[in-house]
Protein backbone atom coordinates (compact mmCIF):
# COMPACT_ATOMS: atom_id res chain seq x y z
CA UNK A 1 103.77 111.96 143.92
CA UNK A 2 100.75 113.44 142.12
CA UNK A 3 101.15 115.38 138.86
CA UNK A 4 98.08 117.52 138.14
CA UNK A 5 97.62 119.02 134.70
CA UNK A 6 95.11 121.84 134.41
CA UNK A 7 92.64 122.18 131.57
CA UNK A 8 88.96 122.15 130.66
CA UNK A 9 87.07 118.93 129.90
CA UNK A 10 85.47 118.25 126.53
CA UNK A 11 86.34 118.21 122.84
CA UNK A 12 85.65 121.95 122.45
CA UNK A 13 88.69 122.78 124.63
CA UNK A 14 91.03 119.97 123.56
CA UNK A 15 93.54 122.08 121.59
CA UNK A 16 93.14 125.39 123.41
CA UNK A 17 95.91 127.26 125.18
CA UNK A 18 94.20 126.68 128.53
CA UNK A 19 94.57 122.89 128.08
CA UNK A 20 98.37 122.79 128.08
CA UNK A 21 98.33 120.93 131.41
CA UNK A 22 96.15 118.21 129.90
CA UNK A 23 98.35 118.08 126.79
CA UNK A 24 101.41 117.62 129.02
CA UNK A 25 99.81 114.64 130.77
CA UNK A 26 98.66 113.17 127.47
CA UNK A 27 102.31 113.12 126.36
CA UNK A 28 103.00 110.88 129.37
CA UNK A 29 100.05 108.51 128.84
CA UNK A 30 96.84 107.93 126.89
CA UNK A 31 95.52 105.29 129.28
CA UNK A 32 93.06 107.21 131.47
CA UNK A 33 90.77 105.83 134.18
CA UNK A 34 87.69 107.51 135.67
CA UNK A 35 87.80 108.80 139.22
CA UNK A 36 85.26 110.95 141.04
CA UNK A 37 85.40 114.23 139.09
CA UNK A 38 88.82 113.51 137.58
CA UNK A 39 90.70 111.23 135.19
CA UNK A 40 93.79 109.46 136.45
CA UNK A 41 96.60 107.18 135.39
CA UNK A 42 99.38 105.46 137.30
CA UNK A 43 102.74 105.83 135.60
CA UNK A 44 106.41 105.37 136.34
CA UNK A 45 108.33 108.54 135.42
CA UNK A 46 112.11 108.57 135.86
CA UNK A 47 111.81 105.55 138.14
CA UNK A 48 109.19 107.18 140.40
CA UNK A 49 105.61 105.98 140.68
CA UNK A 50 103.35 108.95 140.00
CA UNK A 51 99.63 109.51 139.79
CA UNK A 52 98.69 111.67 136.80
CA UNK A 53 95.46 113.63 137.34
CA UNK A 54 93.20 115.66 135.05
CA UNK A 55 90.46 117.47 137.01
CA UNK A 56 87.18 117.14 135.08
CA UNK A 57 85.76 120.34 136.51
CA UNK A 58 86.19 123.50 134.51
CA UNK A 59 89.43 125.39 135.09
CA UNK A 60 88.01 127.78 137.70
CA UNK A 61 87.10 124.83 139.94
CA UNK A 62 90.36 122.85 139.66
CA UNK A 63 90.89 122.88 143.44
CA UNK A 64 87.80 120.73 143.99
CA UNK A 65 89.83 117.65 143.00
CA UNK A 66 91.53 117.78 146.41
CA UNK A 67 88.39 116.61 148.18
CA UNK A 68 89.28 113.24 146.60
CA UNK A 69 93.10 113.35 146.55
CA UNK A 70 95.89 113.80 149.09
CA UNK A 71 97.13 117.37 149.47
CA UNK A 72 100.82 116.74 149.77
CA UNK A 73 103.55 115.85 147.29
CA UNK A 74 102.03 117.39 144.18
CA UNK A 75 103.26 119.22 141.10
CA UNK A 76 100.81 121.34 139.08
CA UNK A 77 101.35 121.85 135.34
CA UNK A 78 99.47 124.67 133.62
CA UNK A 79 99.42 127.34 130.92
CA UNK A 80 100.92 130.77 131.57
CA UNK A 81 99.75 133.76 129.57
CA UNK A 82 102.64 135.90 130.85
CA UNK A 83 105.28 133.60 129.37
CA UNK A 84 105.79 133.51 125.62
CA UNK A 85 105.15 130.30 123.73
CA UNK A 86 108.46 128.47 123.76
CA UNK A 87 109.28 129.14 127.42
CA UNK A 88 108.58 127.32 130.66
CA UNK A 89 109.13 128.27 134.25
CA UNK A 90 109.49 125.99 137.26
CA UNK A 91 108.67 127.36 140.71
CA UNK A 92 108.63 125.90 144.22
CA UNK A 93 105.61 128.00 145.21
CA UNK A 94 104.01 131.36 144.57
CA UNK A 95 100.84 133.24 143.81
CA UNK A 96 98.21 132.46 141.21
CA UNK A 97 99.40 135.29 138.97
CA UNK A 98 95.84 135.78 137.69
CA UNK A 99 95.37 132.12 136.68
CA UNK A 100 91.90 131.04 137.84
CA UNK A 101 92.70 127.33 137.99
CA UNK A 102 95.65 128.04 140.22
CA UNK A 103 93.54 130.42 142.35
CA UNK A 104 91.14 127.54 142.96
CA UNK A 105 93.97 125.22 144.03
CA UNK A 106 95.58 127.88 146.24
CA UNK A 107 92.22 128.43 147.97
CA UNK A 108 92.39 124.78 149.09
CA UNK A 109 96.14 124.16 149.55
CA UNK A 110 97.77 127.54 150.02
CA UNK A 111 100.68 128.65 147.82
CA UNK A 112 103.33 126.12 148.86
CA UNK A 113 103.41 123.57 146.06
CA UNK A 114 105.71 123.20 143.05
CA UNK A 115 104.54 124.04 139.56
CA UNK A 116 105.59 123.91 135.95
CA UNK A 117 104.27 126.88 133.99
CA UNK A 118 104.20 126.50 130.20
CA UNK A 119 104.09 129.70 128.16
CA UNK A 120 101.17 130.31 125.81
CA UNK A 121 101.63 134.08 125.27
CA UNK A 122 101.98 136.77 124.35
CA UNK A 123 98.33 137.71 124.17
CA UNK A 124 97.47 140.14 121.38
CA UNK A 125 96.28 143.47 122.83
CA UNK A 126 93.01 143.41 120.90
CA UNK A 127 91.86 140.09 122.43
CA UNK A 128 90.80 139.70 126.07
CA UNK A 129 92.59 137.08 128.17
CA UNK A 130 89.61 134.70 128.52
CA UNK A 131 89.03 134.52 124.77
CA UNK A 132 92.74 134.13 124.08
CA UNK A 133 93.34 131.19 126.45
CA UNK A 134 90.22 129.48 125.08
CA UNK A 135 91.43 129.83 121.49
CA UNK A 136 93.11 126.98 119.63
CA UNK A 137 96.81 126.95 118.85
CA UNK A 138 97.74 127.48 115.21
CA UNK A 139 99.48 124.61 113.42
CA UNK A 140 102.82 126.49 113.66
CA UNK A 141 102.30 127.09 117.38
CA UNK A 142 101.53 123.40 117.92
CA UNK A 143 104.95 122.53 116.47
CA UNK A 144 106.63 124.78 119.06
CA UNK A 145 104.36 123.50 121.83
CA UNK A 146 105.33 119.93 120.97
CA UNK A 147 109.00 120.81 121.56
CA UNK A 148 108.22 122.68 124.78
CA UNK A 149 106.17 119.78 126.13
CA UNK A 150 109.14 117.48 125.51
CA UNK A 151 111.38 119.86 127.47
CA UNK A 152 108.75 120.08 130.24
CA UNK A 153 108.75 116.28 130.56
CA UNK A 154 112.55 116.37 130.87
CA UNK A 155 112.14 119.04 133.56
CA UNK A 156 109.65 116.85 135.44
CA UNK A 157 112.07 113.92 135.28
CA UNK A 158 114.80 116.21 136.64
CA UNK A 159 112.55 117.32 139.52
CA UNK A 160 111.87 113.68 140.39
CA UNK A 161 115.51 112.55 140.19
CA UNK A 162 117.60 115.60 141.13
CA UNK A 163 115.19 117.96 142.88
CA UNK A 164 113.38 121.14 141.99
CA UNK A 165 116.37 123.46 142.53
CA UNK A 166 118.38 121.58 139.90
CA UNK A 167 115.41 121.58 137.50
CA UNK A 168 114.95 125.32 137.98
CA UNK A 169 118.64 125.97 137.23
CA UNK A 170 118.56 123.82 134.08
CA UNK A 171 115.15 124.51 132.58
CA UNK A 172 114.08 128.05 133.52
CA UNK A 173 116.47 129.41 130.89
CA UNK A 174 115.19 127.22 128.03
CA UNK A 175 113.95 129.47 125.25
CA UNK A 176 112.32 128.04 122.15
CA UNK A 177 110.52 131.29 121.27
CA UNK A 178 112.65 131.65 118.13
CA UNK A 179 110.94 128.47 116.94
CA UNK A 180 107.66 130.39 116.55
CA UNK A 181 107.12 131.27 112.90
CA UNK A 182 105.91 134.85 112.50
């Protein structure tokens, strides 16, 4: 099993909304190794050996990692602008929904792979999407994100032990949006 977290490499992007996939993986480990164009770590999650992968291309080229990795048995974790901060959504497959990192992966693999979408919205109307996802979380938002990442790890463990249908039934209704301080 390969768990791929999407993000952008470099300190500039470390705490941005677009790096939620990287933040998710960092919650699982801080012991990264260098691969060709990606960072990786072997980890046991819920009794299952997994390979954690951070593509070191920019988001729009995330699919390039599959020239070095197997194409089957993956889960992709990424930010979702259409979900409010405090929500996550698990899906068996689907479209890119406007997410350029996912578009890149779909161009290589097609749409049939599971994913964990972590909400980073809603985007203020006066800011364009690219600038918003490349902006840093506020300190209040990081507190909510910390809770959501913990729930997302529980959801991953559920996928690995009980299957994606069970995880979808348990975790797609989790709503921590009331945790966001206005």
